[in-house]
PDB file of N, CA and C in Angstrom:
ATOM      1  N   UNK A   1    -132.382 -62.981 162.731  1.00  0.00           N
ATOM      2  CA  UNK A   1    -131.983 -61.662 162.287  1.00  0.00           C
ATOM      3  C   UNK A   1    -130.468 -61.559 162.388  1.00  0.00           C
ATOM      4  N   UNK A   2    -129.850 -61.050 161.349  1.00  0.00           N
ATOM      5  CA  UNK A   2    -128.400 -60.917 161.313  1.00  0.00           C
ATOM      6  C   UNK A   2    -127.990 -59.547 161.829  1.00  0.00           C
ATOM      7  N   UNK A   3    -126.825 -59.489 162.424  1.00  0.00           N
ATOM      8  CA  UNK A   3    -126.300 -58.219 162.917  1.00  0.00           C
ATOM      9  C   UNK A   3    -125.811 -57.368 161.757  1.00  0.00           C
ATOM     10  N   UNK A   4    -126.065 -56.084 161.841  1.00  0.00           N
ATOM     11  CA  UNK A   4    -125.586 -55.131 160.836  1.00  0.00           C
ATOM     12  C   UNK A   4    -124.358 -54.432 161.412  1.00  0.00           C
ATOM     13  N   UNK A   5    -123.211 -55.073 161.247  1.00  0.00           N
ATOM     14  CA  UNK A   5    -121.980 -54.572 161.838  1.00  0.00           C
ATOM     15  C   UNK A   5    -121.574 -53.214 161.273  1.00  0.00           C
ATOM     16  N   UNK A   6    -121.784 -53.008 159.988  1.00  0.00           N
ATOM     17  CA  UNK A   6    -121.397 -51.742 159.365  1.00  0.00           C
ATOM     18  C   UNK A   6    -122.163 -50.569 159.982  1.00  0.00           C
ATOM     19  N   UNK A   7    -123.462 -50.754 160.185  1.00  0.00           N
ATOM     20  CA  UNK A   7    -124.265 -49.688 160.793  1.00  0.00           C
ATOM     21  C   UNK A   7    -123.873 -49.473 162.246  1.00  0.00           C
ATOM     22  N   UNK A   8    -123.614 -50.549 162.962  1.00  0.00           N
ATOM     23  CA  UNK A   8    -123.193 -50.427 164.364  1.00  0.00           C
ATOM     24  C   UNK A   8    -121.895 -49.632 164.454  1.00  0.00           C
ATOM     25  N   UNK A   9    -120.963 -49.920 163.552  1.00  0.00           N
ATOM     26  CA  UNK A   9    -119.687 -49.198 163.543  1.00  0.00           C
ATOM     27  C   UNK A   9    -119.899 -47.716 163.253  1.00  0.00           C
ATOM     28  N   UNK A  10    -120.757 -47.409 162.297  1.00  0.00           N
ATOM     29  CA  UNK A  10    -121.035 -46.008 161.964  1.00  0.00           C
ATOM     30  C   UNK A  10    -121.638 -45.264 163.150  1.00  0.00           C
ATOM     31  N   UNK A  11    -122.553 -45.920 163.855  1.00  0.00           N
ATOM     32  CA  UNK A  11    -123.179 -45.275 165.015  1.00  0.00           C
ATOM     33  C   UNK A  11    -122.167 -45.043 166.142  1.00  0.00           C
ATOM     34  N   UNK A  12    -121.282 -45.996 166.344  1.00  0.00           N
ATOM     35  CA  UNK A  12    -120.247 -45.815 167.365  1.00  0.00           C
ATOM     36  C   UNK A  12    -119.317 -44.668 166.994  1.00  0.00           C
ATOM     37  N   UNK A  13    -118.939 -44.591 165.722  1.00  0.00           N
ATOM     38  CA  UNK A  13    -118.070 -43.500 165.276  1.00  0.00           C
ATOM     39  C   UNK A  13    -118.772 -42.154 165.417  1.00  0.00           C
ATOM     40  N   UNK A  14    -120.076 -42.129 165.174  1.00  0.00           N
ATOM     41  CA  UNK A  14    -120.844 -40.886 165.340  1.00  0.00           C
ATOM     42  C   UNK A  14    -120.876 -40.487 166.818  1.00  0.00           C
ATOM     43  N   UNK A  15    -121.010 -41.473 167.708  1.00  0.00           N
ATOM     44  CA  UNK A  15    -120.991 -41.187 169.140  1.00  0.00           C
ATOM     45  C   UNK A  15    -119.654 -40.559 169.542  1.00  0.00           C
ATOM     46  N   UNK A  16    -118.580 -41.057 168.945  1.00  0.00           N
ATOM     47  CA  UNK A  16    -117.259 -40.486 169.243  1.00  0.00           C
ATOM     48  C   UNK A  16    -117.196 -39.011 168.843  1.00  0.00           C
ATOM     49  N   UNK A  17    -117.819 -38.667 167.750  1.00  0.00           N
ATOM     50  CA  UNK A  17    -117.814 -37.281 167.290  1.00  0.00           C
ATOM     51  C   UNK A  17    -118.501 -36.357 168.291  1.00  0.00           C
ATOM     52  N   UNK A  18    -119.444 -36.895 169.054  1.00  0.00           N
ATOM     53  CA  UNK A  18    -120.173 -36.085 170.028  1.00  0.00           C
ATOM     54  C   UNK A  18    -119.441 -35.988 171.361  1.00  0.00           C
ATOM     55  N   UNK A  19    -118.392 -36.751 171.527  1.00  0.00           N
ATOM     56  CA  UNK A  19    -117.622 -36.743 172.776  1.00  0.00           C
ATOM     57  C   UNK A  19    -116.272 -36.065 172.543  1.00  0.00           C
ATOM     58  N   UNK A  20    -116.312 -34.787 172.270  1.00  0.00           N
ATOM     59  CA  UNK A  20    -115.099 -34.045 171.959  1.00  0.00           C
ATOM     60  C   UNK A  20    -114.534 -33.273 173.150  1.00  0.00           C
ATOM     61  N   UNK A  21    -115.121 -33.473 174.319  1.00  0.00           N
ATOM     62  CA  UNK A  21    -114.645 -32.773 175.509  1.00  0.00           C
ATOM     63  C   UNK A  21    -113.234 -33.192 175.888  1.00  0.00           C
ATOM     64  N   UNK A  22    -112.546 -32.325 176.608  1.00  0.00           N
ATOM     65  CA  UNK A  22    -111.174 -32.602 177.033  1.00  0.00           C
ATOM     66  C   UNK A  22    -111.128 -33.159 178.456  1.00  0.00           C
ATOM     67  N   UNK A  23    -112.289 -33.433 179.020  1.00  0.00           N
ATOM     68  CA  UNK A  23    -112.347 -33.952 180.389  1.00  0.00           C
ATOM     69  C   UNK A  23    -112.040 -35.452 180.384  1.00  0.00           C
ATOM     70  N   UNK A  24    -111.732 -35.966 181.557  1.00  0.00           N
ATOM     71  CA  UNK A  24    -111.337 -37.373 181.698  1.00  0.00           C
ATOM     72  C   UNK A  24    -112.454 -38.320 181.282  1.00  0.00           C
ATOM     73  N   UNK A  25    -113.688 -37.967 181.601  1.00  0.00           N
ATOM     74  CA  UNK A  25    -114.809 -38.843 181.257  1.00  0.00           C
ATOM     75  C   UNK A  25    -114.954 -38.975 179.741  1.00  0.00           C
ATOM     76  N   UNK A  26    -114.862 -37.871 179.021  1.00  0.00           N
ATOM     77  CA  UNK A  26    -114.963 -37.907 177.558  1.00  0.00           C
ATOM     78  C   UNK A  26    -113.836 -38.738 176.962  1.00  0.00           C
ATOM     79  N   UNK A  27    -112.628 -38.573 177.487  1.00  0.00           N
ATOM     80  CA  UNK A  27    -111.488 -39.352 176.990  1.00  0.00           C
ATOM     81  C   UNK A  27    -111.691 -40.842 177.256  1.00  0.00           C
ATOM     82  N   UNK A  28    -112.167 -41.180 178.446  1.00  0.00           N
ATOM     83  CA  UNK A  28    -112.401 -42.590 178.783  1.00  0.00           C
ATOM     84  C   UNK A  28    -113.480 -43.203 177.889  1.00  0.00           C
ATOM     85  N   UNK A  29    -114.538 -42.455 177.676  1.00  0.00           N
ATOM     86  CA  UNK A  29    -115.611 -42.946 176.809  1.00  0.00           C
ATOM     87  C   UNK A  29    -115.120 -43.141 175.376  1.00  0.00           C
ATOM     88  N   UNK A  30    -114.309 -42.204 174.891  1.00  0.00           N
ATOM     89  CA  UNK A  30    -113.744 -42.340 173.549  1.00  0.00           C
ATOM     90  C   UNK A  30    -112.869 -43.579 173.435  1.00  0.00           C
ATOM     91  N   UNK A  31    -112.083 -43.847 174.449  1.00  0.00           N
ATOM     92  CA  UNK A  31    -111.231 -45.041 174.439  1.00  0.00           C
ATOM     93  C   UNK A  31    -112.080 -46.312 174.445  1.00  0.00           C
ATOM     94  N   UNK A  32    -113.138 -46.311 175.248  1.00  0.00           N
ATOM     95  CA  UNK A  32    -114.020 -47.470 175.311  1.00  0.00           C
ATOM     96  C   UNK A  32    -114.732 -47.683 173.977  1.00  0.00           C
ATOM     97  N   UNK A  33    -115.198 -46.607 173.376  1.00  0.00           N
ATOM     98  CA  UNK A  33    -115.868 -46.714 172.082  1.00  0.00           C
ATOM     99  C   UNK A  33    -114.886 -47.202 171.024  1.00  0.00           C
ATOM    100  N   UNK A  34    -113.642 -46.749 171.096  1.00  0.00           N
ATOM    101  CA  UNK A  34    -112.643 -47.199 170.124  1.00  0.00           C
ATOM    102  C   UNK A  34    -112.438 -48.707 170.215  1.00  0.00           C
ATOM    103  N   UNK A  35    -112.454 -49.247 171.428  1.00  0.00           N
ATOM    104  CA  UNK A  35    -112.347 -50.702 171.596  1.00  0.00           C
ATOM    105  C   UNK A  35    -113.547 -51.413 170.977  1.00  0.00           C
ATOM    106  N   UNK A  36    -114.727 -50.830 171.164  1.00  0.00           N
ATOM    107  CA  UNK A  36    -115.933 -51.400 170.558  1.00  0.00           C
ATOM    108  C   UNK A  36    -115.878 -51.339 169.033  1.00  0.00           C
ATOM    109  N   UNK A  37    -115.398 -50.228 168.489  1.00  0.00           N
ATOM    110  CA  UNK A  37    -115.283 -50.085 167.039  1.00  0.00           C
ATOM    111  C   UNK A  37    -114.355 -51.169 166.495  1.00  0.00           C
ATOM    112  N   UNK A  38    -113.230 -51.390 167.163  1.00  0.00           N
ATOM    113  CA  UNK A  38    -112.299 -52.430 166.724  1.00  0.00           C
ATOM    114  C   UNK A  38    -112.940 -53.813 166.790  1.00  0.00           C
ATOM    115  N   UNK A  39    -113.711 -54.070 167.844  1.00  0.00           N
ATOM    116  CA  UNK A  39    -114.393 -55.362 167.974  1.00  0.00           C
ATOM    117  C   UNK A  39    -115.429 -55.544 166.865  1.00  0.00           C
ATOM    118  N   UNK A  40    -116.159 -54.487 166.546  1.00  0.00           N
ATOM    119  CA  UNK A  40    -117.160 -54.562 165.484  1.00  0.00           C
ATOM    120  C   UNK A  40    -116.481 -54.768 164.135  1.00  0.00           C
ATOM    121  N   UNK A  41    -115.361 -54.085 163.905  1.00  0.00           N
ATOM    122  CA  UNK A  41    -114.627 -54.275 162.653  1.00  0.00           C
ATOM    123  C   UNK A  41    -114.168 -55.722 162.512  1.00  0.00           C
ATOM    124  N   UNK A  42    -113.665 -56.282 163.591  1.00  0.00           N
ATOM    125  CA  UNK A  42    -113.225 -57.678 163.569  1.00  0.00           C
ATOM    126  C   UNK A  42    -114.398 -58.595 163.244  1.00  0.00           C
ATOM    127  N   UNK A  43    -115.510 -58.366 163.903  1.00  0.00           N
ATOM    128  CA  UNK A  43    -116.698 -59.191 163.660  1.00  0.00           C
ATOM    129  C   UNK A  43    -117.198 -59.020 162.227  1.00  0.00           C
ATOM    130  N   UNK A  44    -117.151 -57.789 161.741  1.00  0.00           N
ATOM    131  CA  UNK A  44    -117.635 -57.492 160.394  1.00  0.00           C
ATOM    132  C   UNK A  44    -116.826 -58.237 159.334  1.00  0.00           C
ATOM    133  N   UNK A  45    -115.528 -58.334 159.549  1.00  0.00           N
ATOM    134  CA  UNK A  45    -114.665 -58.933 158.533  1.00  0.00           C
ATOM    135  C   UNK A  45    -114.407 -60.420 158.739  1.00  0.00           C
ATOM    136  N   UNK A  46    -114.874 -60.967 159.844  1.00  0.00           N
ATOM    137  CA  UNK A  46    -114.711 -62.400 160.052  1.00  0.00           C
ATOM    138  C   UNK A  46    -116.046 -63.148 159.974  1.00  0.00           C
ATOM    139  N   UNK A  47    -117.110 -62.413 159.880  1.00  0.00           N
ATOM    140  CA  UNK A  47    -118.437 -63.040 159.782  1.00  0.00           C
ATOM    141  C   UNK A  47    -118.565 -63.745 158.436  1.00  0.00           C
ATOM    142  N   UNK A  48    -119.210 -64.890 158.420  1.00  0.00           N
ATOM    143  CA  UNK A  48    -119.413 -65.574 157.145  1.00  0.00           C
ATOM    144  C   UNK A  48    -120.227 -64.702 156.197  1.00  0.00           C
ATOM    145  N   UNK A  49    -119.802 -64.653 154.959  1.00  0.00           N
ATOM    146  CA  UNK A  49    -120.469 -63.804 153.967  1.00  0.00           C
ATOM    147  C   UNK A  49    -121.718 -64.458 153.400  1.00  0.00           C
ATOM    148  N   UNK A  50    -121.775 -65.743 153.448  1.00  0.00           N
ATOM    149  CA  UNK A  50    -122.931 -66.441 152.900  1.00  0.00           C
ATOM    150  C   UNK A  50    -122.539 -67.869 152.561  1.00  0.00           C
ATOM    151  N   UNK A  51    -123.506 -68.602 152.127  1.00  0.00           N
ATOM    152  CA  UNK A  51    -123.273 -69.996 151.799  1.00  0.00           C
ATOM    153  C   UNK A  51    -122.993 -70.128 150.309  1.00  0.00           C
ATOM    154  N   UNK A  52    -121.975 -70.881 149.975  1.00  0.00           N
ATOM    155  CA  UNK A  52    -121.631 -71.124 148.577  1.00  0.00           C
ATOM    156  C   UNK A  52    -122.438 -72.317 148.090  1.00  0.00           C
ATOM    157  N   UNK A  53    -123.127 -72.124 147.003  1.00  0.00           N
ATOM    158  CA  UNK A  53    -123.942 -73.194 146.427  1.00  0.00           C
ATOM    159  C   UNK A  53    -123.212 -73.718 145.189  1.00  0.00           C
ATOM    160  N   UNK A  54    -122.917 -74.994 145.210  1.00  0.00           N
ATOM    161  CA  UNK A  54    -122.228 -75.610 144.080  1.00  0.00           C
ATOM    162  C   UNK A  54    -123.260 -76.061 143.055  1.00  0.00           C
ATOM    163  N   UNK A  55    -123.080 -75.629 141.819  1.00  0.00           N
ATOM    164  CA  UNK A  55    -123.959 -76.022 140.747  1.00  0.00           C
ATOM    165  C   UNK A  55    -123.389 -77.265 140.065  1.00  0.00           C
ATOM    166  N   UNK A  56    -124.258 -78.131 139.563  1.00  0.00           N
ATOM    167  CA  UNK A  56    -123.754 -79.320 138.868  1.00  0.00           C
ATOM    168  C   UNK A  56    -122.925 -78.901 137.650  1.00  0.00           C
ATOM    169  N   UNK A  57    -121.844 -79.614 137.436  1.00  0.00           N
ATOM    170  CA  UNK A  57    -120.993 -79.318 136.290  1.00  0.00           C
ATOM    171  C   UNK A  57    -121.352 -80.255 135.138  1.00  0.00           C
ATOM    172  N   UNK A  58    -121.230 -79.741 133.928  1.00  0.00           N
ATOM    173  CA  UNK A  58    -121.477 -80.589 132.760  1.00  0.00           C
ATOM    174  C   UNK A  58    -120.364 -81.611 132.630  1.00  0.00           C
ATOM    175  N   UNK A  59    -120.760 -82.759 132.223  1.00  0.00           N
ATOM    176  CA  UNK A  59    -119.762 -83.784 131.944  1.00  0.00           C
ATOM    177  C   UNK A  59    -119.059 -83.448 130.640  1.00  0.00           C
ATOM    178  N   UNK A  60    -117.802 -83.776 130.564  1.00  0.00           N
ATOM    179  CA  UNK A  60    -117.060 -83.476 129.331  1.00  0.00           C
ATOM    180  C   UNK A  60    -117.645 -84.285 128.172  1.00  0.00           C
ATOM    181  N   UNK A  61    -117.824 -83.646 127.039  1.00  0.00           N
ATOM    182  CA  UNK A  61    -118.355 -84.299 125.859  1.00  0.00           C
ATOM    183  C   UNK A  61    -119.869 -84.305 125.786  1.00  0.00           C
ATOM    184  N   UNK A  62    -120.550 -84.030 126.866  1.00  0.00           N
ATOM    185  CA  UNK A  62    -122.015 -84.036 126.861  1.00  0.00           C
ATOM    186  C   UNK A  62    -122.532 -82.656 126.498  1.00  0.00           C
ATOM    187  N   UNK A  63    -123.593 -82.631 125.703  1.00  0.00           N
ATOM    188  CA  UNK A  63    -124.191 -81.346 125.328  1.00  0.00           C
ATOM    189  C   UNK A  63    -125.652 -81.376 125.495  1.00  0.00           C
TER     190      UNK A  63
END
């Protein structure tokens, strides 16, 4: 099973929206989630997109 980085990032961002308090705990949690969001973004954009399959090429002059 492959990781769904885009969905994980969306859920983390949604969690941040719920932590709008001005207390120290809310601020710390937001900072921690921001680090996770950055890590997920990095993973999302560095993960292999798929395998490239090379198709046979026609020889020149052949039909």
